[in-house]
Amino acid sequence: MSAPVIRYIDEPHPITGLTNGKLGLWLFLASEVMLFGALFSSYILLRVGADSWPDGWDVLNVPLATLNTVVLISSSVTMVMAWVGCRLNNLGKFRFYMSLTIALSLVFLVIKTIEYKPKFEHYEAFLADGALVKGYEGSESITGHLDENDLDKDYILFSPDAVQHGTSGDDEHSDHEKGGEGHAEQIRINRLDIDRLTNFGPKHSNFYGLYFTMTGLHGLHIVGGIAVNLYFLLFGTGMFRSNPAQFSNRIECAGLYWHFVDLVWIFLFPTIYLL
């Protein structure tokens, strides 16, 4: 008994005009639109209803995000060229451009990691006298990341980038320690004078919660795309030679997903970073 034949893999269905794989992918992308649409709607509603909201260009690293935009758009171009290599039955061209797509994807994630890291090292200290100190922990501070629930010293050292004084007008809560030439001024803050201490991670505010949720989820989609593209690059040679039309269709579907990920970033970048 012969194996059943699955139709409309290499040729479009006469009703839908699409192959089975492409139809399934478009349905999947429709669900992705609803997912990110809900997040963008939440962002808009929370921002409109907030008494105050930070400007993305003032608190986020716009140059790095701009560089990432260029990197991701470039990866979409190389993804198209990888598909063209399949259509031309040119394995070398496919491998070159698919490798370039994966490399650019990894560059995007590295830049995103560089952008994330300072957010977890930059702190706000709300003091009992109403002062607010923003800065980075000093070299003699507690080991590891600061945490308002885990301060194991009587003081912390801050290298402040901003100090807003409260109504008391004095600095009894701190000692100013200036290092040698070339060293930034540090402030020693007594532990008991700190009402609240937090970094600029997701728990800081609604803005940062949405920032990390939306860009983090987008980053997970990048990781998923890398896994799929890497599979085709490493294990796709057999299908490329035995059934080039089917392999080309699969690369086209992977490309559609990748272009969607690119399009999501095109909306994320101006919404979060520039507004």
Foldseek 3Di string as FASTA:
>chain_A
DDDDDDPQLLAHDPVPRHGPLQVVLVVVVVVVCVVVVVLVVVVVVCCVPDPDDDAQQVPFDLVLLVVLLVLLVVLLVLLVQLLVCLVVLNLVSNLVSLVSSLVSLVVSVVSVCVRPVVQQQWKWFQFPQRKIFIFGWDPPADPDGDDLVDGPDQKTKGLTPDMDGHDVPDDPQWDWDDDDPPGGIIIIGTSVGTPDMGGNALVPDVLRVSVCVLVVVLNVLSVVLSVVSVCCSPPVPVCSVVPSSSSSVVSVSSSVSSVSSSVSSVVVSCVNNVD
